[in-house]
């Protein structure tokens, strides 16, 4: 996925057709690895890609509604809040703001890490 800066703090990350119909894709923005996720209802979310319990890519995990599961230990995270919804993770992941313009997906990184 490509990255183009805009003047409003958003970065163009990809086109919608580069995302799975339902699933996640990893991207890097300013050296930060994120997961861009499209859910069954067509919403697009962006969260940090690394599980807070283990150094594992969340973009490789399974989706269930608005949660993504870490494939290694089964922790789940809410894509809207970043909060873990099941153990063993107890620390939330950062959630980033997504904006869709036409067929392009833009993300503004949150201050959280």
N, C-alpha and C. Protein backbone atom coordinates (compact mmCIF):
# COMPACT_ATOMS: atom_id res chain seq x y z
N UNK A 1 0.83 -1.17 0.00
CA UNK A 1 0.00 0.00 0.00
C UNK A 1 0.88 1.24 0.00
N UNK A 2 0.44 2.26 -0.68
CA UNK A 2 1.22 3.48 -0.77
C UNK A 2 0.83 4.48 0.30
N UNK A 3 1.63 5.53 0.42
CA UNK A 3 1.40 6.53 1.44
C UNK A 3 1.63 7.91 0.84
N UNK A 4 0.64 8.78 0.92
CA UNK A 4 0.77 10.15 0.44
C UNK A 4 0.22 11.09 1.50
N UNK A 5 1.03 12.07 1.91
CA UNK A 5 0.60 13.03 2.93
C UNK A 5 -0.36 14.05 2.34
N UNK A 6 -1.32 14.46 3.16
CA UNK A 6 -2.21 15.56 2.78
C UNK A 6 -1.97 16.70 3.76
N UNK A 7 -2.54 17.84 3.48
CA UNK A 7 -2.31 19.01 4.33
C UNK A 7 -3.20 19.04 5.57
N UNK A 8 -4.02 18.06 5.81
CA UNK A 8 -4.91 18.06 6.96
C UNK A 8 -4.59 16.96 7.97
N UNK A 9 -3.39 16.43 7.95
CA UNK A 9 -3.01 15.40 8.91
C UNK A 9 -3.37 13.99 8.49
N UNK A 10 -4.07 13.84 7.38
CA UNK A 10 -4.43 12.51 6.89
C UNK A 10 -3.41 12.06 5.85
N UNK A 11 -3.17 10.76 5.81
CA UNK A 11 -2.27 10.14 4.85
C UNK A 11 -3.08 9.19 3.99
N UNK A 12 -2.91 9.29 2.67
CA UNK A 12 -3.56 8.32 1.78
C UNK A 12 -2.82 7.00 1.93
N UNK A 13 -3.56 5.95 2.30
CA UNK A 13 -2.95 4.66 2.59
C UNK A 13 -3.16 3.67 1.44
N UNK A 14 -4.37 3.65 0.88
CA UNK A 14 -4.67 2.69 -0.18
C UNK A 14 -5.98 3.07 -0.85
N UNK A 15 -6.34 2.29 -1.86
CA UNK A 15 -7.66 2.38 -2.48
C UNK A 15 -8.54 1.31 -1.82
N UNK A 16 -9.83 1.54 -1.82
CA UNK A 16 -10.74 0.55 -1.24
C UNK A 16 -10.59 -0.81 -1.89
N UNK A 17 -10.37 -0.84 -3.21
CA UNK A 17 -10.27 -2.13 -3.90
C UNK A 17 -8.97 -2.88 -3.58
N UNK A 18 -8.06 -2.26 -2.85
CA UNK A 18 -6.85 -2.94 -2.39
C UNK A 18 -7.07 -3.68 -1.07
N UNK A 19 -8.20 -3.41 -0.42
CA UNK A 19 -8.53 -4.10 0.82
C UNK A 19 -9.37 -5.34 0.52
N UNK A 20 -9.25 -6.36 1.35
CA UNK A 20 -10.15 -7.51 1.17
C UNK A 20 -11.60 -7.07 1.39
N UNK A 21 -12.55 -7.80 0.81
CA UNK A 21 -13.97 -7.48 1.02
C UNK A 21 -14.30 -7.50 2.51
N UNK A 22 -13.76 -8.46 3.23
CA UNK A 22 -13.83 -8.53 4.69
C UNK A 22 -12.47 -9.03 5.15
N UNK A 23 -11.76 -8.20 5.89
CA UNK A 23 -10.44 -8.61 6.35
C UNK A 23 -9.55 -7.40 6.54
N UNK A 24 -8.26 -7.68 6.74
CA UNK A 24 -7.30 -6.64 7.09
C UNK A 24 -6.09 -6.68 6.17
N UNK A 25 -5.44 -5.53 6.09
CA UNK A 25 -4.17 -5.41 5.36
C UNK A 25 -3.25 -4.54 6.20
N UNK A 26 -2.00 -4.91 6.26
CA UNK A 26 -1.02 -4.13 7.00
C UNK A 26 -0.50 -2.99 6.12
N UNK A 27 -0.19 -1.88 6.77
CA UNK A 27 0.40 -0.73 6.07
C UNK A 27 1.36 -0.05 7.04
N UNK A 28 2.22 0.79 6.50
CA UNK A 28 3.13 1.56 7.33
C UNK A 28 2.92 3.04 7.06
N UNK A 29 2.75 3.80 8.13
CA UNK A 29 2.56 5.25 8.04
C UNK A 29 3.59 5.90 8.94
N UNK A 30 4.47 6.69 8.35
CA UNK A 30 5.51 7.38 9.14
C UNK A 30 6.26 6.43 10.05
N UNK A 31 6.57 5.24 9.56
CA UNK A 31 7.31 4.26 10.33
C UNK A 31 6.48 3.48 11.34
N UNK A 32 5.19 3.70 11.35
CA UNK A 32 4.29 3.01 12.29
C UNK A 32 3.48 1.98 11.53
N UNK A 33 3.49 0.75 11.99
CA UNK A 33 2.75 -0.33 11.34
C UNK A 33 1.31 -0.34 11.84
N UNK A 34 0.38 -0.27 10.89
CA UNK A 34 -1.04 -0.25 11.21
C UNK A 34 -1.76 -1.35 10.44
N UNK A 35 -2.96 -1.64 10.89
CA UNK A 35 -3.83 -2.60 10.22
C UNK A 35 -5.07 -1.84 9.74
N UNK A 36 -5.33 -1.89 8.44
CA UNK A 36 -6.52 -1.27 7.86
C UNK A 36 -7.51 -2.40 7.64
N UNK A 37 -8.68 -2.28 8.26
CA UNK A 37 -9.62 -3.39 8.33
C UNK A 37 -10.97 -3.00 7.74
N UNK A 38 -11.51 -3.88 6.88
CA UNK A 38 -12.89 -3.69 6.40
C UNK A 38 -13.74 -4.79 7.01
N UNK A 39 -14.82 -4.39 7.68
CA UNK A 39 -15.70 -5.34 8.34
C UNK A 39 -16.82 -5.78 7.40
N UNK A 40 -17.60 -6.75 7.84
CA UNK A 40 -18.70 -7.29 7.03
C UNK A 40 -19.70 -6.22 6.61
N UNK A 41 -19.90 -5.20 7.45
CA UNK A 41 -20.85 -4.13 7.11
C UNK A 41 -20.25 -3.08 6.19
N UNK A 42 -18.99 -3.26 5.77
CA UNK A 42 -18.34 -2.36 4.83
C UNK A 42 -17.59 -1.21 5.46
N UNK A 43 -17.64 -1.09 6.80
CA UNK A 43 -16.91 -0.02 7.47
C UNK A 43 -15.42 -0.31 7.42
N UNK A 44 -14.63 0.76 7.36
CA UNK A 44 -13.17 0.64 7.35
C UNK A 44 -12.63 1.25 8.64
N UNK A 45 -11.77 0.52 9.30
CA UNK A 45 -11.16 0.93 10.56
C UNK A 45 -9.65 0.85 10.42
N UNK A 46 -8.94 1.56 11.30
CA UNK A 46 -7.49 1.47 11.32
C UNK A 46 -7.04 1.44 12.78
N UNK A 47 -6.20 0.45 13.09
CA UNK A 47 -5.65 0.28 14.45
C UNK A 47 -4.18 -0.05 14.33
N UNK A 48 -3.44 0.10 15.43
CA UNK A 48 -2.06 -0.37 15.42
C UNK A 48 -2.08 -1.87 15.11
N UNK A 49 -1.08 -2.32 14.40
CA UNK A 49 -1.08 -3.70 13.90
C UNK A 49 -0.51 -4.71 14.89
N UNK A 50 0.10 -4.26 15.98
CA UNK A 50 0.76 -5.19 16.88
C UNK A 50 -0.06 -5.42 18.14
N UNK A 51 -0.30 -6.69 18.46
CA UNK A 51 -1.00 -7.08 19.68
C UNK A 51 -0.22 -6.57 20.88
N UNK A 52 -0.93 -6.04 21.88
CA UNK A 52 -0.26 -5.52 23.07
C UNK A 52 0.16 -6.62 24.04
N UNK A 53 -0.28 -7.84 23.81
CA UNK A 53 0.12 -8.95 24.67
C UNK A 53 1.38 -9.63 24.14
N UNK A 54 1.51 -9.71 22.83
CA UNK A 54 2.67 -10.34 22.21
C UNK A 54 2.98 -9.57 20.92
N UNK A 55 4.17 -9.67 20.45
CA UNK A 55 4.59 -8.94 19.26
C UNK A 55 4.11 -9.69 18.01
N UNK A 56 2.79 -9.64 17.78
CA UNK A 56 2.15 -10.40 16.70
C UNK A 56 1.30 -9.45 15.86
N UNK A 57 1.33 -9.65 14.54
CA UNK A 57 0.56 -8.81 13.63
C UNK A 57 -0.93 -9.12 13.72
N UNK A 58 -1.74 -8.09 14.03
CA UNK A 58 -3.18 -8.27 14.10
C UNK A 58 -3.82 -8.36 12.72
N UNK A 59 -3.15 -7.85 11.69
CA UNK A 59 -3.71 -7.94 10.34
C UNK A 59 -3.77 -9.38 9.85
N UNK A 60 -3.09 -10.28 10.53
CA UNK A 60 -3.13 -11.70 10.19
C UNK A 60 -4.20 -12.46 10.98
N UNK A 61 -4.91 -11.75 11.86
CA UNK A 61 -5.91 -12.38 12.71
C UNK A 61 -7.28 -12.45 12.06
N UNK A 62 -8.19 -13.12 12.73
CA UNK A 62 -9.56 -13.29 12.26
C UNK A 62 -10.43 -12.14 12.74
N UNK A 63 -11.40 -11.77 11.90
CA UNK A 63 -12.38 -10.75 12.27
C UNK A 63 -13.66 -11.42 12.74
N UNK A 64 -14.30 -10.78 13.71
CA UNK A 64 -15.63 -11.20 14.15
C UNK A 64 -16.38 -9.92 14.47
N UNK A 65 -17.27 -9.52 13.58
CA UNK A 65 -17.97 -8.25 13.76
C UNK A 65 -16.98 -7.11 13.75
N UNK A 66 -16.92 -6.36 14.85
CA UNK A 66 -15.99 -5.23 14.97
C UNK A 66 -14.83 -5.56 15.90
N UNK A 67 -14.44 -6.84 15.94
CA UNK A 67 -13.27 -7.21 16.73
C UNK A 67 -12.29 -7.98 15.84
N UNK A 68 -11.02 -7.83 16.18
CA UNK A 68 -9.97 -8.59 15.51
C UNK A 68 -9.29 -9.45 16.57
N UNK A 69 -8.98 -10.68 16.18
CA UNK A 69 -8.37 -11.62 17.11
C UNK A 69 -6.89 -11.78 16.80
N UNK A 70 -6.07 -11.77 17.84
CA UNK A 70 -4.66 -12.10 17.70
C UNK A 70 -4.56 -13.61 17.52
N UNK A 71 -3.96 -14.02 16.42
CA UNK A 71 -3.94 -15.44 16.08
C UNK A 71 -3.07 -16.27 17.03
N UNK A 72 -2.16 -15.64 17.77
CA UNK A 72 -1.24 -16.42 18.59
C UNK A 72 -1.86 -16.87 19.92
N UNK A 73 -2.48 -15.95 20.66
CA UNK A 73 -3.02 -16.30 21.97
C UNK A 73 -4.51 -16.06 22.10
N UNK A 74 -5.16 -15.54 21.06
CA UNK A 74 -6.61 -15.40 21.08
C UNK A 74 -7.16 -14.12 21.67
N UNK A 75 -6.30 -13.16 22.01
CA UNK A 75 -6.83 -11.87 22.49
C UNK A 75 -7.65 -11.22 21.39
N UNK A 76 -8.72 -10.55 21.78
CA UNK A 76 -9.56 -9.82 20.82
C UNK A 76 -9.55 -8.35 21.18
N UNK A 77 -9.61 -7.51 20.13
CA UNK A 77 -9.62 -6.06 20.32
C UNK A 77 -10.78 -5.46 19.54
N UNK A 78 -11.48 -4.51 20.18
CA UNK A 78 -12.57 -3.78 19.53
C UNK A 78 -11.95 -2.78 18.56
N UNK A 79 -12.35 -2.83 17.30
CA UNK A 79 -11.79 -1.96 16.27
C UNK A 79 -12.21 -0.50 16.45
N UNK A 80 -13.28 -0.26 17.19
CA UNK A 80 -13.76 1.12 17.39
C UNK A 80 -13.09 1.80 18.56
N UNK A 81 -12.74 1.03 19.60
CA UNK A 81 -12.18 1.62 20.82
C UNK A 81 -10.74 1.19 21.09
N UNK A 82 -10.33 0.07 20.51
CA UNK A 82 -9.01 -0.48 20.78
C UNK A 82 -8.95 -1.33 22.04
N UNK A 83 -10.02 -1.34 22.81
CA UNK A 83 -10.04 -2.07 24.07
C UNK A 83 -9.99 -3.58 23.84
N UNK A 84 -9.21 -4.30 24.66
CA UNK A 84 -9.25 -5.76 24.57
C UNK A 84 -10.59 -6.27 25.08
N UNK A 85 -11.16 -7.24 24.38
CA UNK A 85 -12.46 -7.79 24.79
C UNK A 85 -12.31 -9.19 25.37
N UNK A 86 -11.09 -9.66 25.47
CA UNK A 86 -10.84 -10.97 26.04
C UNK A 86 -9.37 -11.14 26.35
N UNK A 87 -9.06 -11.95 27.37
CA UNK A 87 -7.67 -12.17 27.76
C UNK A 87 -6.93 -12.97 26.68
N UNK A 88 -5.62 -12.96 26.72
CA UNK A 88 -4.78 -12.47 27.80
C UNK A 88 -4.41 -10.98 27.71
N UNK A 89 -4.70 -10.29 26.63
CA UNK A 89 -4.35 -8.87 26.53
C UNK A 89 -5.19 -8.03 27.49
N UNK A 90 -4.56 -7.04 28.11
CA UNK A 90 -5.26 -6.11 29.00
C UNK A 90 -5.01 -4.66 28.61
N UNK A 91 -4.05 -4.42 27.73
CA UNK A 91 -3.70 -3.07 27.28
C UNK A 91 -4.34 -2.84 25.91
N UNK A 92 -5.04 -1.71 25.73
CA UNK A 92 -5.67 -1.44 24.43
C UNK A 92 -4.65 -1.12 23.33
N UNK A 93 -5.09 -1.27 22.09
CA UNK A 93 -4.31 -0.84 20.94
C UNK A 93 -4.81 0.54 20.52
N UNK A 94 -3.95 1.29 19.84
CA UNK A 94 -4.34 2.63 19.37
C UNK A 94 -5.30 2.51 18.19
N UNK A 95 -6.29 3.39 18.17
CA UNK A 95 -7.27 3.47 17.08
C UNK A 95 -7.00 4.77 16.33
N UNK A 96 -7.01 4.71 15.01
CA UNK A 96 -6.71 5.86 14.17
C UNK A 96 -7.94 6.26 13.38
N UNK A 97 -8.02 7.54 13.04
CA UNK A 97 -9.18 8.08 12.32
C UNK A 97 -9.07 7.75 10.84
N UNK A 98 -10.17 7.23 10.28
CA UNK A 98 -10.22 6.85 8.86
C UNK A 98 -11.19 7.78 8.15
N UNK A 99 -10.81 8.19 6.96
CA UNK A 99 -11.69 8.99 6.10
C UNK A 99 -11.64 8.38 4.71
N UNK A 100 -12.79 8.21 4.09
CA UNK A 100 -12.88 7.69 2.72
C UNK A 100 -13.24 8.85 1.81
N UNK A 101 -12.44 9.05 0.78
CA UNK A 101 -12.73 10.07 -0.24
C UNK A 101 -12.73 9.37 -1.59
N UNK A 102 -13.91 9.25 -2.17
CA UNK A 102 -14.01 8.51 -3.42
C UNK A 102 -13.65 7.06 -3.17
N UNK A 103 -12.61 6.58 -3.85
CA UNK A 103 -12.14 5.21 -3.66
C UNK A 103 -10.88 5.13 -2.82
N UNK A 104 -10.46 6.26 -2.24
CA UNK A 104 -9.21 6.31 -1.48
C UNK A 104 -9.47 6.26 0.02
N UNK A 105 -8.59 5.56 0.74
CA UNK A 105 -8.64 5.45 2.19
C UNK A 105 -7.53 6.32 2.77
N UNK A 106 -7.91 7.25 3.64
CA UNK A 106 -6.98 8.14 4.32
C UNK A 106 -7.02 7.85 5.81
N UNK A 107 -5.86 7.95 6.46
CA UNK A 107 -5.77 7.69 7.90
C UNK A 107 -5.01 8.83 8.56
N UNK A 108 -5.50 9.28 9.71
CA UNK A 108 -4.79 10.22 10.58
C UNK A 108 -4.38 9.44 11.82
N UNK A 109 -3.09 9.39 12.09
CA UNK A 109 -2.60 8.65 13.24
C UNK A 109 -2.99 9.34 14.54
N UNK A 110 -3.34 8.55 15.54
CA UNK A 110 -3.63 9.09 16.87
C UNK A 110 -2.30 9.35 17.57
N UNK A 111 -2.38 10.09 18.64
CA UNK A 111 -1.17 10.39 19.44
C UNK A 111 -0.74 9.19 20.27
N UNK A 112 -1.67 8.27 20.51
CA UNK A 112 -1.35 7.08 21.33
C UNK A 112 -0.36 6.21 20.59
N UNK A 113 0.37 5.43 21.34
CA UNK A 113 1.29 4.48 20.69
C UNK A 113 0.98 3.07 21.12
